[in-house]
Amino acid sequence: QVQLVESGGGLVQPGGSLRLSCAASGFTFSTYAMSWYRQAPGKERESVATVFSTGTKSYSNSVKGRFTISRDNGKNTVYLEMNSLKPEDTAVYYCVARRSANTYWGQGTQVTVSS
């Protein structure tokens, strides 16, 4: 049974930081590309960051320089370190595992940036 369990979301003031975690099980974690997506109210879901099985990372322009994605294959966990948060970062953040035709989604964690 594949599981992706996100944690670490919450309410933070503009300029603050949060660290999201996604614990994975039920598949060979190290061979999958791991991504974070987000969806804000009334907007389409968008890719935020990806770390490939090779370790290569990519970021959307909107978060580049502020967010850092990382993975720990020994713990089957992917992280998203978010700094200098802005109100427009408010969204539900989803962990996604992808390899070939297989794609798995977590249930999401809410991040709210507000004063």
N, C-alpha and C. Protein backbone atom coordinates (compact mmCIF):
# COMPACT_ATOMS: atom_id res chain seq x y z
N GLN A 1 0.84 -1.19 0.00
CA GLN A 1 0.00 0.00 0.00
C GLN A 1 0.88 1.25 0.00
N VAL A 2 0.74 2.04 -1.06
CA VAL A 2 1.52 3.27 -1.16
C VAL A 2 0.93 4.33 -0.23
N GLN A 3 1.81 4.98 0.52
CA GLN A 3 1.38 6.10 1.36
C GLN A 3 2.37 7.23 1.25
N LEU A 4 1.84 8.43 1.15
CA LEU A 4 2.61 9.67 1.20
C LEU A 4 1.92 10.54 2.25
N VAL A 5 2.63 10.82 3.33
CA VAL A 5 2.02 11.54 4.45
C VAL A 5 2.78 12.83 4.68
N GLU A 6 2.12 13.94 4.36
CA GLU A 6 2.73 15.26 4.54
C GLU A 6 2.51 15.77 5.95
N SER A 7 3.44 16.58 6.41
CA SER A 7 3.30 17.24 7.71
C SER A 7 4.11 18.53 7.68
N GLY A 8 3.86 19.38 8.68
CA GLY A 8 4.64 20.61 8.81
C GLY A 8 3.94 21.88 8.37
N GLY A 9 2.74 21.75 7.82
CA GLY A 9 2.02 22.94 7.42
C GLY A 9 1.51 23.72 8.61
N GLY A 10 0.99 24.91 8.35
CA GLY A 10 0.45 25.72 9.43
C GLY A 10 0.32 27.17 9.03
N LEU A 11 0.14 28.00 10.04
CA LEU A 11 0.00 29.44 9.85
C LEU A 11 1.33 30.12 10.17
N VAL A 12 1.78 30.98 9.28
CA VAL A 12 3.04 31.68 9.48
C VAL A 12 2.89 33.11 8.97
N GLN A 13 3.61 34.03 9.58
CA GLN A 13 3.57 35.42 9.15
C GLN A 13 4.41 35.63 7.90
N PRO A 14 4.08 36.64 7.12
CA PRO A 14 4.92 36.96 5.95
C PRO A 14 6.37 37.15 6.37
N GLY A 15 7.26 36.60 5.56
CA GLY A 15 8.68 36.64 5.88
C GLY A 15 9.16 35.47 6.72
N GLY A 16 8.23 34.68 7.20
CA GLY A 16 8.59 33.54 8.05
C GLY A 16 8.98 32.32 7.25
N SER A 17 9.20 31.23 8.00
CA SER A 17 9.68 29.98 7.39
C SER A 17 8.86 28.80 7.88
N LEU A 18 8.80 27.79 7.05
CA LEU A 18 8.20 26.51 7.41
C LEU A 18 8.98 25.40 6.72
N ARG A 19 8.93 24.23 7.33
CA ARG A 19 9.54 23.06 6.71
C ARG A 19 8.49 21.97 6.59
N LEU A 20 8.21 21.58 5.38
CA LEU A 20 7.28 20.49 5.13
C LEU A 20 8.05 19.18 5.01
N SER A 21 7.42 18.12 5.47
CA SER A 21 7.99 16.77 5.33
C SER A 21 6.96 15.87 4.67
N CYS A 22 7.45 14.88 3.97
CA CYS A 22 6.58 13.88 3.36
C CYS A 22 7.22 12.51 3.56
N ALA A 23 6.57 11.70 4.38
CA ALA A 23 7.07 10.36 4.65
C ALA A 23 6.40 9.38 3.68
N ALA A 24 7.23 8.62 2.98
CA ALA A 24 6.73 7.72 1.94
C ALA A 24 6.90 6.26 2.35
N SER A 25 6.00 5.43 1.87
CA SER A 25 6.10 3.99 2.09
C SER A 25 5.34 3.26 1.00
N GLY A 26 5.68 1.99 0.81
CA GLY A 26 4.96 1.16 -0.13
C GLY A 26 5.53 1.13 -1.54
N PHE A 27 6.65 1.80 -1.76
CA PHE A 27 7.31 1.76 -3.06
C PHE A 27 8.79 2.04 -2.85
N THR A 28 9.57 1.83 -3.92
CA THR A 28 11.03 2.01 -3.81
C THR A 28 11.35 3.49 -3.95
N PHE A 29 11.36 4.16 -2.82
CA PHE A 29 11.46 5.62 -2.76
C PHE A 29 12.63 6.17 -3.57
N SER A 30 13.77 5.57 -3.43
CA SER A 30 14.99 6.13 -4.03
C SER A 30 14.94 6.18 -5.55
N THR A 31 14.07 5.41 -6.16
CA THR A 31 14.00 5.36 -7.63
C THR A 31 12.96 6.31 -8.22
N TYR A 32 12.25 7.01 -7.36
CA TYR A 32 11.19 7.92 -7.79
C TYR A 32 11.63 9.37 -7.75
N ALA A 33 11.16 10.15 -8.72
CA ALA A 33 11.24 11.60 -8.62
C ALA A 33 10.19 12.05 -7.61
N MET A 34 10.59 12.94 -6.72
CA MET A 34 9.69 13.44 -5.68
C MET A 34 9.47 14.93 -5.89
N SER A 35 8.22 15.32 -5.85
CA SER A 35 7.86 16.71 -6.11
C SER A 35 6.94 17.24 -5.03
N TRP A 36 6.92 18.55 -4.94
CA TRP A 36 5.90 19.27 -4.18
C TRP A 36 5.08 20.09 -5.17
N TYR A 37 3.77 19.94 -5.06
CA TYR A 37 2.83 20.75 -5.81
C TYR A 37 2.03 21.58 -4.80
N ARG A 38 1.37 22.61 -5.30
CA ARG A 38 0.48 23.37 -4.43
C ARG A 38 -0.74 23.83 -5.22
N GLN A 39 -1.81 24.06 -4.47
CA GLN A 39 -3.03 24.57 -5.07
C GLN A 39 -3.64 25.61 -4.16
N ALA A 40 -3.73 26.82 -4.66
CA ALA A 40 -4.35 27.91 -3.92
C ALA A 40 -5.83 27.97 -4.27
N PRO A 41 -6.64 28.54 -3.41
CA PRO A 41 -8.08 28.64 -3.68
C PRO A 41 -8.36 29.32 -5.01
N GLY A 42 -9.15 28.67 -5.85
CA GLY A 42 -9.53 29.26 -7.12
C GLY A 42 -8.47 29.20 -8.20
N LYS A 43 -7.37 28.53 -7.90
CA LYS A 43 -6.28 28.44 -8.88
C LYS A 43 -5.98 26.99 -9.23
N GLU A 44 -5.29 26.80 -10.34
CA GLU A 44 -4.90 25.46 -10.75
C GLU A 44 -3.73 24.97 -9.90
N ARG A 45 -3.64 23.66 -9.80
CA ARG A 45 -2.52 23.07 -9.09
C ARG A 45 -1.24 23.33 -9.89
N GLU A 46 -0.15 23.66 -9.18
CA GLU A 46 1.10 23.96 -9.87
C GLU A 46 2.26 23.24 -9.21
N SER A 47 3.24 22.90 -10.02
CA SER A 47 4.46 22.29 -9.51
C SER A 47 5.33 23.35 -8.86
N VAL A 48 5.86 23.02 -7.69
CA VAL A 48 6.70 23.95 -6.93
C VAL A 48 8.17 23.57 -7.04
N ALA A 49 8.46 22.30 -6.79
CA ALA A 49 9.85 21.84 -6.79
C ALA A 49 9.88 20.33 -6.99
N THR A 50 10.99 19.87 -7.59
CA THR A 50 11.19 18.44 -7.83
C THR A 50 12.64 18.07 -7.53
N VAL A 51 12.81 16.92 -6.90
CA VAL A 51 14.14 16.34 -6.76
C VAL A 51 14.09 14.96 -7.39
N PHE A 52 14.93 14.75 -8.39
CA PHE A 52 14.94 13.50 -9.13
C PHE A 52 15.75 12.44 -8.38
N SER A 53 15.63 11.22 -8.84
CA SER A 53 16.35 10.13 -8.18
C SER A 53 17.86 10.33 -8.27
N THR A 54 18.30 11.10 -9.25
CA THR A 54 19.72 11.40 -9.40
C THR A 54 20.20 12.47 -8.43
N GLY A 55 19.24 13.16 -7.81
CA GLY A 55 19.59 14.27 -6.93
C GLY A 55 19.42 15.64 -7.58
N THR A 56 19.24 15.66 -8.88
CA THR A 56 19.01 16.92 -9.58
C THR A 56 17.71 17.57 -9.08
N LYS A 57 17.74 18.88 -8.95
CA LYS A 57 16.58 19.61 -8.43
C LYS A 57 16.11 20.65 -9.44
N SER A 58 14.81 20.93 -9.40
CA SER A 58 14.26 22.00 -10.22
C SER A 58 13.20 22.73 -9.41
N TYR A 59 13.02 24.01 -9.73
CA TYR A 59 12.10 24.86 -8.98
C TYR A 59 11.28 25.72 -9.94
N SER A 60 10.08 26.06 -9.51
CA SER A 60 9.31 27.04 -10.28
C SER A 60 9.94 28.41 -10.05
N ASN A 61 9.73 29.30 -11.00
CA ASN A 61 10.31 30.64 -10.89
C ASN A 61 9.78 31.38 -9.66
N SER A 62 8.56 31.07 -9.27
CA SER A 62 7.93 31.80 -8.18
C SER A 62 8.56 31.49 -6.81
N VAL A 63 9.27 30.37 -6.70
CA VAL A 63 9.84 30.00 -5.40
C VAL A 63 11.36 29.90 -5.44
N LYS A 64 11.95 30.01 -6.61
CA LYS A 64 13.39 29.86 -6.75
C LYS A 64 14.12 30.87 -5.86
N GLY A 65 15.08 30.37 -5.12
CA GLY A 65 15.83 31.23 -4.21
C GLY A 65 15.23 31.34 -2.82
N ARG A 66 13.98 30.90 -2.66
CA ARG A 66 13.32 30.96 -1.35
C ARG A 66 13.03 29.56 -0.79
N PHE A 67 12.73 28.62 -1.66
CA PHE A 67 12.40 27.25 -1.24
C PHE A 67 13.54 26.31 -1.60
N THR A 68 13.72 25.29 -0.78
CA THR A 68 14.72 24.26 -1.04
C THR A 68 14.10 22.88 -0.85
N ILE A 69 14.20 22.04 -1.86
CA ILE A 69 13.71 20.67 -1.77
C ILE A 69 14.90 19.76 -1.50
N SER A 70 14.66 18.74 -0.68
CA SER A 70 15.71 17.76 -0.41
C SER A 70 15.06 16.42 -0.12
N ARG A 71 15.86 15.38 -0.19
CA ARG A 71 15.35 14.05 0.08
C ARG A 71 16.36 13.27 0.92
N ASP A 72 15.82 12.38 1.73
CA ASP A 72 16.64 11.47 2.53
C ASP A 72 16.18 10.06 2.18
N ASN A 73 16.94 9.40 1.33
CA ASN A 73 16.52 8.07 0.88
C ASN A 73 16.58 7.04 2.00
N GLY A 74 17.41 7.29 3.01
CA GLY A 74 17.47 6.38 4.15
C GLY A 74 16.22 6.43 5.00
N LYS A 75 15.56 7.58 4.98
CA LYS A 75 14.34 7.76 5.77
C LYS A 75 13.08 7.77 4.91
N ASN A 76 13.25 7.59 3.60
CA ASN A 76 12.10 7.63 2.67
C ASN A 76 11.28 8.91 2.87
N THR A 77 11.97 10.02 2.94
CA THR A 77 11.32 11.29 3.24
C THR A 77 11.83 12.38 2.30
N VAL A 78 10.91 13.22 1.89
CA VAL A 78 11.27 14.40 1.10
C VAL A 78 10.83 15.63 1.89
N TYR A 79 11.61 16.68 1.78
CA TYR A 79 11.38 17.90 2.55
C TYR A 79 11.23 19.09 1.60
N LEU A 80 10.55 20.11 2.12
CA LEU A 80 10.49 21.39 1.43
C LEU A 80 10.72 22.47 2.47
N GLU A 81 11.89 23.08 2.41
CA GLU A 81 12.22 24.19 3.29
C GLU A 81 11.75 25.46 2.61
N MET A 82 10.87 26.21 3.29
CA MET A 82 10.28 27.41 2.70
C MET A 82 10.66 28.62 3.54
N ASN A 83 11.35 29.55 2.93
CA ASN A 83 11.79 30.77 3.60
C ASN A 83 11.20 32.00 2.90
N SER A 84 11.26 33.12 3.59
CA SER A 84 10.74 34.38 3.04
C SER A 84 9.34 34.19 2.47
N LEU A 85 8.50 33.57 3.25
CA LEU A 85 7.16 33.25 2.77
C LEU A 85 6.34 34.50 2.53
N LYS A 86 5.51 34.41 1.49
CA LYS A 86 4.65 35.51 1.07
C LYS A 86 3.18 35.08 1.15
N PRO A 87 2.27 36.02 1.27
CA PRO A 87 0.85 35.64 1.28
C PRO A 87 0.44 34.81 0.06
N GLU A 88 1.07 35.07 -1.06
CA GLU A 88 0.73 34.31 -2.28
C GLU A 88 1.24 32.87 -2.26
N ASP A 89 2.00 32.51 -1.23
CA ASP A 89 2.41 31.11 -1.05
C ASP A 89 1.33 30.30 -0.35
N THR A 90 0.29 30.96 0.11
CA THR A 90 -0.81 30.27 0.77
C THR A 90 -1.47 29.27 -0.17
N ALA A 91 -1.53 28.01 0.26
CA ALA A 91 -2.05 26.95 -0.58
C ALA A 91 -2.05 25.63 0.19
N VAL A 92 -2.69 24.64 -0.40
CA VAL A 92 -2.50 23.26 0.07
C VAL A 92 -1.31 22.71 -0.70
N TYR A 93 -0.36 22.16 0.04
CA TYR A 93 0.86 21.62 -0.55
C TYR A 93 0.78 20.09 -0.57
N TYR A 94 1.08 19.53 -1.74
CA TYR A 94 0.98 18.09 -1.95
C TYR A 94 2.35 17.50 -2.28
N CYS A 95 2.59 16.34 -1.74
CA CYS A 95 3.77 15.55 -2.06
C CYS A 95 3.39 14.59 -3.19
N VAL A 96 4.27 14.47 -4.19
CA VAL A 96 3.99 13.62 -5.35
C VAL A 96 5.20 12.75 -5.65
N ALA A 97 4.97 11.49 -5.87
CA ALA A 97 6.01 10.56 -6.29
C ALA A 97 5.72 10.12 -7.72
N ARG A 98 6.75 10.13 -8.54
CA ARG A 98 6.51 9.80 -9.95
C ARG A 98 7.67 8.99 -10.52
N ARG A 99 7.32 7.92 -11.23
CA ARG A 99 8.30 7.15 -11.99
C ARG A 99 7.57 6.45 -13.11
N SER A 100 7.99 6.71 -14.32
CA SER A 100 7.35 6.13 -15.52
C SER A 100 5.85 6.43 -15.47
N ALA A 101 5.02 5.39 -15.55
CA ALA A 101 3.58 5.59 -15.58
C ALA A 101 2.96 5.67 -14.19
N ASN A 102 3.78 5.52 -13.16
CA ASN A 102 3.26 5.53 -11.78
C ASN A 102 3.35 6.92 -11.16
N THR A 103 2.24 7.40 -10.65
CA THR A 103 2.20 8.68 -9.95
C THR A 103 1.35 8.52 -8.70
N TYR A 104 1.93 8.95 -7.59
CA TYR A 104 1.21 8.86 -6.30
C TYR A 104 1.16 10.24 -5.66
N TRP A 105 0.02 10.53 -5.04
CA TRP A 105 -0.19 11.84 -4.39
C TRP A 105 -0.47 11.65 -2.91
N GLY A 106 0.03 12.59 -2.13
CA GLY A 106 -0.34 12.65 -0.73
C GLY A 106 -1.66 13.37 -0.56
N GLN A 107 -2.10 13.49 0.70
CA GLN A 107 -3.40 14.09 0.97
C GLN A 107 -3.33 15.61 1.09
N GLY A 108 -2.13 16.14 1.21
CA GLY A 108 -1.94 17.58 1.26
C GLY A 108 -1.85 18.14 2.67
N THR A 109 -1.16 19.25 2.79
CA THR A 109 -1.06 19.97 4.06
C THR A 109 -1.23 21.46 3.78
N GLN A 110 -1.99 22.12 4.63
CA GLN A 110 -2.32 23.54 4.42
C GLN A 110 -1.20 24.43 4.91
N VAL A 111 -0.81 25.37 4.08
CA VAL A 111 0.13 26.43 4.46
C VAL A 111 -0.59 27.76 4.27
N THR A 112 -0.64 28.53 5.34
CA THR A 112 -1.28 29.84 5.30
C THR A 112 -0.28 30.90 5.74
N VAL A 113 -0.07 31.87 4.87
CA VAL A 113 0.86 32.96 5.17
C VAL A 113 0.03 34.23 5.35
N SER A 114 -0.03 34.71 6.58
CA SER A 114 -0.89 35.84 6.89
C SER A 114 -0.43 36.50 8.18
N SER A 115 -0.63 37.81 8.24
CA SER A 115 -0.33 38.54 9.47
C SER A 115 -1.58 38.66 10.33
